[in-house]
């Protein structure tokens, strides 16, 4: 096999491996950060309070969402919705969101920055 043939075979294999991800991405709705900014009420109650700690079902610091990767937020909300992630409050909130809501919220939080305390 020549170098050109090996390169072509590797390129075809790489494209074939990526095809399922491209198809999945085409089926996902595009997120609108402006629409997402109008859907943050349920998020802000915990994720929008500096230093907030939740006490149910256990005590932990609530993560900030601003500046988080869009794909991560989508994946996390889908995992709560499916039951793969089990936090009761987040499961209930995620269950109420459409795929478009998830995409919009992820787009909004991905474009906002994380705010830190000034020294």
N, C-alpha and C. Protein backbone atom coordinates (compact mmCIF):
# COMPACT_ATOMS: atom_id res chain seq x y z
N UNK A 1 0.86 -1.17 0.00
CA UNK A 1 0.00 0.00 0.00
C UNK A 1 0.91 1.24 0.00
N UNK A 2 0.60 2.19 -0.85
CA UNK A 2 1.41 3.40 -0.94
C UNK A 2 1.00 4.38 0.15
N UNK A 3 1.83 5.40 0.35
CA UNK A 3 1.51 6.43 1.35
C UNK A 3 0.20 7.12 1.00
N UNK A 4 -0.02 7.38 -0.27
CA UNK A 4 -1.25 8.06 -0.70
C UNK A 4 -2.46 7.18 -0.41
N UNK A 5 -2.36 5.91 -0.67
CA UNK A 5 -3.47 4.98 -0.41
C UNK A 5 -3.75 4.88 1.08
N UNK A 6 -2.68 4.79 1.90
CA UNK A 6 -2.87 4.74 3.36
C UNK A 6 -3.52 6.02 3.86
N UNK A 7 -3.08 7.16 3.33
CA UNK A 7 -3.66 8.45 3.75
C UNK A 7 -5.13 8.50 3.37
N UNK A 8 -5.46 8.09 2.15
CA UNK A 8 -6.86 8.10 1.70
C UNK A 8 -7.72 7.18 2.56
N UNK A 9 -7.19 6.00 2.87
CA UNK A 9 -7.93 5.05 3.71
C UNK A 9 -8.15 5.62 5.11
N UNK A 10 -7.14 6.27 5.65
CA UNK A 10 -7.27 6.88 6.98
C UNK A 10 -8.28 8.01 6.95
N UNK A 11 -8.27 8.80 5.88
CA UNK A 11 -9.22 9.91 5.77
C UNK A 11 -10.65 9.40 5.68
N UNK A 12 -10.88 8.37 4.90
CA UNK A 12 -12.21 7.78 4.78
C UNK A 12 -12.67 7.22 6.12
N UNK A 13 -11.77 6.54 6.82
CA UNK A 13 -12.11 5.98 8.13
C UNK A 13 -12.46 7.08 9.13
N UNK A 14 -11.71 8.17 9.10
CA UNK A 14 -11.99 9.29 10.01
C UNK A 14 -13.33 9.92 9.71
N UNK A 15 -13.65 10.10 8.43
CA UNK A 15 -14.94 10.67 8.06
C UNK A 15 -16.09 9.74 8.45
N UNK A 16 -15.90 8.46 8.25
CA UNK A 16 -16.93 7.49 8.62
C UNK A 16 -17.17 7.49 10.12
N UNK A 17 -16.10 7.62 10.90
CA UNK A 17 -16.23 7.65 12.35
C UNK A 17 -16.94 8.91 12.83
N UNK A 18 -16.75 10.01 12.13
CA UNK A 18 -17.36 11.29 12.52
C UNK A 18 -18.79 11.43 12.07
N UNK A 19 -19.23 10.63 11.11
CA UNK A 19 -20.57 10.77 10.55
C UNK A 19 -21.69 10.70 11.59
N UNK A 20 -21.69 9.76 12.54
CA UNK A 20 -22.78 9.74 13.52
C UNK A 20 -22.87 11.03 14.33
N UNK A 21 -21.74 11.65 14.63
CA UNK A 21 -21.75 12.90 15.39
C UNK A 21 -22.32 14.03 14.55
N UNK A 22 -22.00 14.06 13.28
CA UNK A 22 -22.52 15.11 12.39
C UNK A 22 -24.02 14.96 12.23
N UNK A 23 -24.51 13.74 12.10
CA UNK A 23 -25.94 13.52 11.96
C UNK A 23 -26.66 13.92 13.25
N UNK A 24 -26.09 13.57 14.40
CA UNK A 24 -26.71 13.94 15.67
C UNK A 24 -26.76 15.45 15.84
N UNK A 25 -25.71 16.13 15.44
CA UNK A 25 -25.67 17.58 15.57
C UNK A 25 -26.71 18.24 14.68
N UNK A 26 -26.98 17.66 13.50
CA UNK A 26 -27.97 18.24 12.61
C UNK A 26 -29.36 18.15 13.20
N UNK A 27 -29.65 17.13 14.00
CA UNK A 27 -30.97 16.97 14.58
C UNK A 27 -31.22 17.86 15.78
N UNK A 28 -30.17 18.42 16.37
CA UNK A 28 -30.31 19.26 17.55
C UNK A 28 -30.70 20.67 17.13
N UNK A 29 -31.61 21.30 17.87
CA UNK A 29 -31.97 22.67 17.53
C UNK A 29 -30.82 23.63 17.81
N UNK A 30 -30.76 24.69 17.04
CA UNK A 30 -29.75 25.72 17.27
C UNK A 30 -30.20 26.56 18.45
N UNK A 31 -29.26 26.89 19.33
CA UNK A 31 -29.58 27.70 20.50
C UNK A 31 -29.59 29.18 20.18
N UNK A 32 -30.52 29.90 20.79
CA UNK A 32 -30.64 31.34 20.62
C UNK A 32 -30.38 31.98 21.98
N UNK A 33 -29.22 32.66 22.14
CA UNK A 33 -28.91 33.23 23.46
C UNK A 33 -29.90 34.31 23.91
N UNK A 34 -30.50 35.02 22.98
CA UNK A 34 -31.49 36.05 23.36
C UNK A 34 -32.72 35.36 23.94
N UNK A 35 -33.19 34.31 23.28
CA UNK A 35 -34.32 33.56 23.82
C UNK A 35 -33.94 32.90 25.14
N UNK A 36 -32.71 32.40 25.23
CA UNK A 36 -32.25 31.77 26.46
C UNK A 36 -32.25 32.72 27.64
N UNK A 37 -31.94 33.99 27.37
CA UNK A 37 -31.91 34.98 28.46
C UNK A 37 -33.29 35.19 29.07
N UNK A 38 -34.32 34.82 28.34
CA UNK A 38 -35.70 34.96 28.84
C UNK A 38 -36.19 33.70 29.55
N UNK A 39 -35.34 32.68 29.64
CA UNK A 39 -35.74 31.39 30.21
C UNK A 39 -34.93 31.02 31.45
N UNK A 40 -34.25 31.96 32.06
CA UNK A 40 -33.31 31.66 33.14
C UNK A 40 -33.91 31.70 34.55
N UNK A 41 -35.19 31.96 34.68
CA UNK A 41 -35.78 32.14 36.01
C UNK A 41 -35.53 30.94 36.93
N UNK A 42 -35.74 29.74 36.43
CA UNK A 42 -35.54 28.55 37.27
C UNK A 42 -34.06 28.32 37.58
N UNK A 43 -33.18 28.76 36.70
CA UNK A 43 -31.74 28.57 36.89
C UNK A 43 -31.18 29.56 37.92
N UNK A 44 -31.63 30.80 37.79
CA UNK A 44 -31.06 31.88 38.61
C UNK A 44 -31.32 31.70 40.10
N UNK A 45 -32.38 30.99 40.45
CA UNK A 45 -32.71 30.77 41.85
C UNK A 45 -31.60 30.10 42.64
N UNK A 46 -30.79 29.30 41.98
CA UNK A 46 -29.65 28.65 42.64
C UNK A 46 -28.32 29.04 41.99
N UNK A 47 -28.27 28.94 40.67
CA UNK A 47 -27.01 29.17 39.96
C UNK A 47 -26.65 30.64 39.85
N UNK A 48 -27.58 31.52 40.15
CA UNK A 48 -27.30 32.95 40.04
C UNK A 48 -26.96 33.63 41.35
N UNK A 49 -26.85 32.88 42.43
CA UNK A 49 -26.57 33.45 43.74
C UNK A 49 -25.12 33.16 44.11
N UNK A 50 -24.34 34.20 44.26
CA UNK A 50 -22.91 34.06 44.58
C UNK A 50 -22.72 33.29 45.88
N UNK A 51 -21.90 32.22 45.81
CA UNK A 51 -21.58 31.45 47.01
C UNK A 51 -22.70 30.56 47.52
N UNK A 52 -23.76 30.38 46.75
CA UNK A 52 -24.91 29.60 47.19
C UNK A 52 -24.54 28.15 47.43
N UNK A 53 -25.04 27.61 48.52
CA UNK A 53 -24.89 26.19 48.83
C UNK A 53 -26.28 25.63 49.02
N UNK A 54 -26.51 24.48 48.45
CA UNK A 54 -27.80 23.84 48.60
C UNK A 54 -27.74 22.84 49.75
N UNK A 55 -28.85 22.58 50.37
CA UNK A 55 -28.89 21.63 51.48
C UNK A 55 -29.70 20.39 51.13
N UNK A 56 -30.19 20.30 49.89
CA UNK A 56 -31.00 19.14 49.52
C UNK A 56 -30.53 18.59 48.19
N UNK A 57 -30.28 17.39 48.02
CA UNK A 57 -30.34 16.32 49.01
C UNK A 57 -29.08 16.25 49.88
N UNK A 58 -28.05 17.05 49.56
CA UNK A 58 -26.85 17.12 50.39
C UNK A 58 -26.28 18.53 50.24
N UNK A 59 -25.38 18.90 51.12
CA UNK A 59 -24.80 20.25 51.06
C UNK A 59 -23.64 20.27 50.08
N UNK A 60 -23.69 21.18 49.12
CA UNK A 60 -22.59 21.39 48.18
C UNK A 60 -22.75 22.75 47.55
N UNK A 61 -21.65 23.28 47.03
CA UNK A 61 -21.69 24.56 46.33
C UNK A 61 -22.34 24.37 44.97
N UNK A 62 -23.23 25.27 44.62
CA UNK A 62 -23.90 25.21 43.33
C UNK A 62 -22.98 25.82 42.28
N UNK A 63 -22.72 25.12 41.19
CA UNK A 63 -21.80 25.65 40.17
C UNK A 63 -22.39 26.83 39.41
N UNK A 64 -21.53 27.72 39.00
CA UNK A 64 -21.93 28.84 38.15
C UNK A 64 -22.07 28.34 36.72
N UNK A 65 -22.98 28.88 35.97
CA UNK A 65 -23.21 28.44 34.60
C UNK A 65 -22.57 29.36 33.57
N UNK A 66 -22.38 30.64 33.92
CA UNK A 66 -21.82 31.60 32.98
C UNK A 66 -20.44 31.20 32.51
N UNK A 67 -20.26 31.17 31.18
CA UNK A 67 -18.98 30.84 30.61
C UNK A 67 -18.75 29.34 30.42
N UNK A 68 -19.71 28.53 30.83
CA UNK A 68 -19.59 27.08 30.66
C UNK A 68 -19.75 26.74 29.17
N UNK A 69 -19.15 25.66 28.73
CA UNK A 69 -19.26 25.26 27.33
C UNK A 69 -20.71 24.88 27.00
N UNK A 70 -21.17 25.35 25.86
CA UNK A 70 -22.54 25.11 25.44
C UNK A 70 -22.87 23.62 25.36
N UNK A 71 -21.99 22.84 24.75
CA UNK A 71 -22.24 21.41 24.59
C UNK A 71 -22.33 20.71 25.95
N UNK A 72 -21.53 21.17 26.92
CA UNK A 72 -21.57 20.57 28.25
C UNK A 72 -22.93 20.83 28.92
N UNK A 73 -23.43 22.05 28.80
CA UNK A 73 -24.73 22.38 29.41
C UNK A 73 -25.83 21.53 28.78
N UNK A 74 -25.82 21.42 27.46
CA UNK A 74 -26.83 20.60 26.78
C UNK A 74 -26.75 19.17 27.28
N UNK A 75 -25.55 18.61 27.31
CA UNK A 75 -25.37 17.21 27.74
C UNK A 75 -25.81 17.02 29.19
N UNK A 76 -25.47 17.96 30.06
CA UNK A 76 -25.85 17.85 31.47
C UNK A 76 -27.37 17.89 31.63
N UNK A 77 -28.03 18.83 30.95
CA UNK A 77 -29.49 18.91 31.07
C UNK A 77 -30.17 17.68 30.49
N UNK A 78 -29.64 17.16 29.39
CA UNK A 78 -30.19 15.93 28.83
C UNK A 78 -30.02 14.77 29.81
N UNK A 79 -28.88 14.73 30.50
CA UNK A 79 -28.63 13.66 31.47
C UNK A 79 -29.58 13.76 32.66
N UNK A 80 -29.88 14.98 33.12
CA UNK A 80 -30.86 15.14 34.20
C UNK A 80 -32.24 14.71 33.71
N UNK A 81 -32.57 15.12 32.50
CA UNK A 81 -33.89 14.80 31.95
C UNK A 81 -34.09 13.29 31.79
N UNK A 82 -33.05 12.59 31.38
CA UNK A 82 -33.15 11.14 31.16
C UNK A 82 -33.04 10.33 32.46
N UNK A 83 -32.56 10.97 33.53
CA UNK A 83 -32.36 10.26 34.79
C UNK A 83 -30.95 9.76 34.98
N UNK A 84 -30.08 9.97 33.97
CA UNK A 84 -28.68 9.56 34.09
C UNK A 84 -28.02 10.32 35.23
N UNK A 85 -28.35 11.60 35.38
CA UNK A 85 -27.95 12.37 36.56
C UNK A 85 -29.18 12.43 37.46
N UNK A 86 -28.97 12.34 38.78
CA UNK A 86 -30.12 12.07 39.65
C UNK A 86 -30.50 13.16 40.64
N UNK A 87 -29.94 14.35 40.57
CA UNK A 87 -30.33 15.39 41.52
C UNK A 87 -31.82 15.68 41.34
N UNK A 88 -32.62 15.53 42.40
CA UNK A 88 -34.07 15.63 42.26
C UNK A 88 -34.57 16.98 41.72
N UNK A 89 -34.03 18.06 42.21
CA UNK A 89 -34.48 19.37 41.74
C UNK A 89 -34.12 19.58 40.28
N UNK A 90 -32.90 19.23 39.91
CA UNK A 90 -32.47 19.40 38.52
C UNK A 90 -33.24 18.47 37.58
N UNK A 91 -33.56 17.27 38.05
CA UNK A 91 -34.35 16.35 37.21
C UNK A 91 -35.71 16.95 36.92
N UNK A 92 -36.35 17.54 37.94
CA UNK A 92 -37.67 18.14 37.74
C UNK A 92 -37.60 19.33 36.79
N UNK A 93 -36.59 20.16 36.97
CA UNK A 93 -36.45 21.33 36.09
C UNK A 93 -36.16 20.89 34.66
N UNK A 94 -35.21 19.99 34.48
CA UNK A 94 -34.85 19.53 33.13
C UNK A 94 -36.03 18.85 32.44
N UNK A 95 -36.84 18.13 33.20
CA UNK A 95 -38.00 17.45 32.62
C UNK A 95 -39.00 18.44 32.02
N UNK A 96 -39.00 19.66 32.54
CA UNK A 96 -39.94 20.67 32.04
C UNK A 96 -39.43 21.41 30.81
N UNK A 97 -38.18 21.17 30.41
CA UNK A 97 -37.57 21.90 29.30
C UNK A 97 -37.70 21.13 27.98
N UNK A 98 -38.03 21.86 26.93
CA UNK A 98 -38.02 21.28 25.59
C UNK A 98 -36.57 21.24 25.09
N UNK A 99 -36.33 20.55 24.00
CA UNK A 99 -34.99 20.54 23.40
C UNK A 99 -34.58 21.96 23.00
N UNK A 100 -35.54 22.76 22.53
CA UNK A 100 -35.24 24.14 22.15
C UNK A 100 -34.88 24.97 23.38
N UNK A 101 -35.60 24.77 24.49
CA UNK A 101 -35.27 25.48 25.73
C UNK A 101 -33.84 25.16 26.17
N UNK A 102 -33.48 23.88 26.12
CA UNK A 102 -32.13 23.45 26.52
C UNK A 102 -31.09 24.13 25.64
N UNK A 103 -31.31 24.12 24.33
CA UNK A 103 -30.36 24.74 23.40
C UNK A 103 -30.25 26.24 23.65
N UNK A 104 -31.38 26.90 23.90
CA UNK A 104 -31.37 28.35 24.14
C UNK A 104 -30.64 28.69 25.44
N UNK A 105 -30.92 27.94 26.51
CA UNK A 105 -30.24 28.19 27.78
C UNK A 105 -28.75 27.96 27.66
N UNK A 106 -28.37 26.89 26.98
CA UNK A 106 -26.94 26.59 26.80
C UNK A 106 -26.25 27.70 26.01
N UNK A 107 -26.91 28.19 24.97
CA UNK A 107 -26.34 29.27 24.16
C UNK A 107 -26.19 30.54 25.00
N UNK A 108 -27.17 30.83 25.82
CA UNK A 108 -27.11 32.02 26.68
C UNK A 108 -25.97 31.93 27.69
N UNK A 109 -25.93 30.84 28.44
CA UNK A 109 -24.90 30.73 29.48
C UNK A 109 -23.50 30.60 28.90
N UNK A 110 -23.37 30.01 27.73
CA UNK A 110 -22.04 29.89 27.10
C UNK A 110 -21.48 31.26 26.71
N UNK A 111 -22.34 32.20 26.40
CA UNK A 111 -21.85 33.52 25.97
C UNK A 111 -21.71 34.49 27.12
N UNK A 112 -22.19 34.15 28.30
CA UNK A 112 -22.01 35.03 29.46
C UNK A 112 -20.71 34.67 30.15
N UNK A 113 -20.16 35.61 30.87
CA UNK A 113 -18.89 35.34 31.53
C UNK A 113 -19.12 35.02 33.00
N UNK A 114 -18.17 34.31 33.55
CA UNK A 114 -18.20 34.00 34.98
C UNK A 114 -17.78 35.25 35.73
N UNK A 115 -18.55 35.65 36.71
CA UNK A 115 -18.22 36.82 37.50
C UNK A 115 -17.48 36.39 38.76
N UNK A 116 -16.37 37.05 39.03
CA UNK A 116 -15.61 36.73 40.24
C UNK A 116 -15.58 37.97 41.13
N UNK A 117 -15.35 37.75 42.39
CA UNK A 117 -15.30 38.87 43.34
C UNK A 117 -14.09 39.74 43.05
N UNK A 118 -14.28 41.04 43.12
CA UNK A 118 -13.17 41.98 42.92
C UNK A 118 -12.37 42.07 44.21
N UNK A 119 -11.05 42.23 44.06
CA UNK A 119 -10.19 42.35 45.24
C UNK A 119 -9.82 43.78 45.48
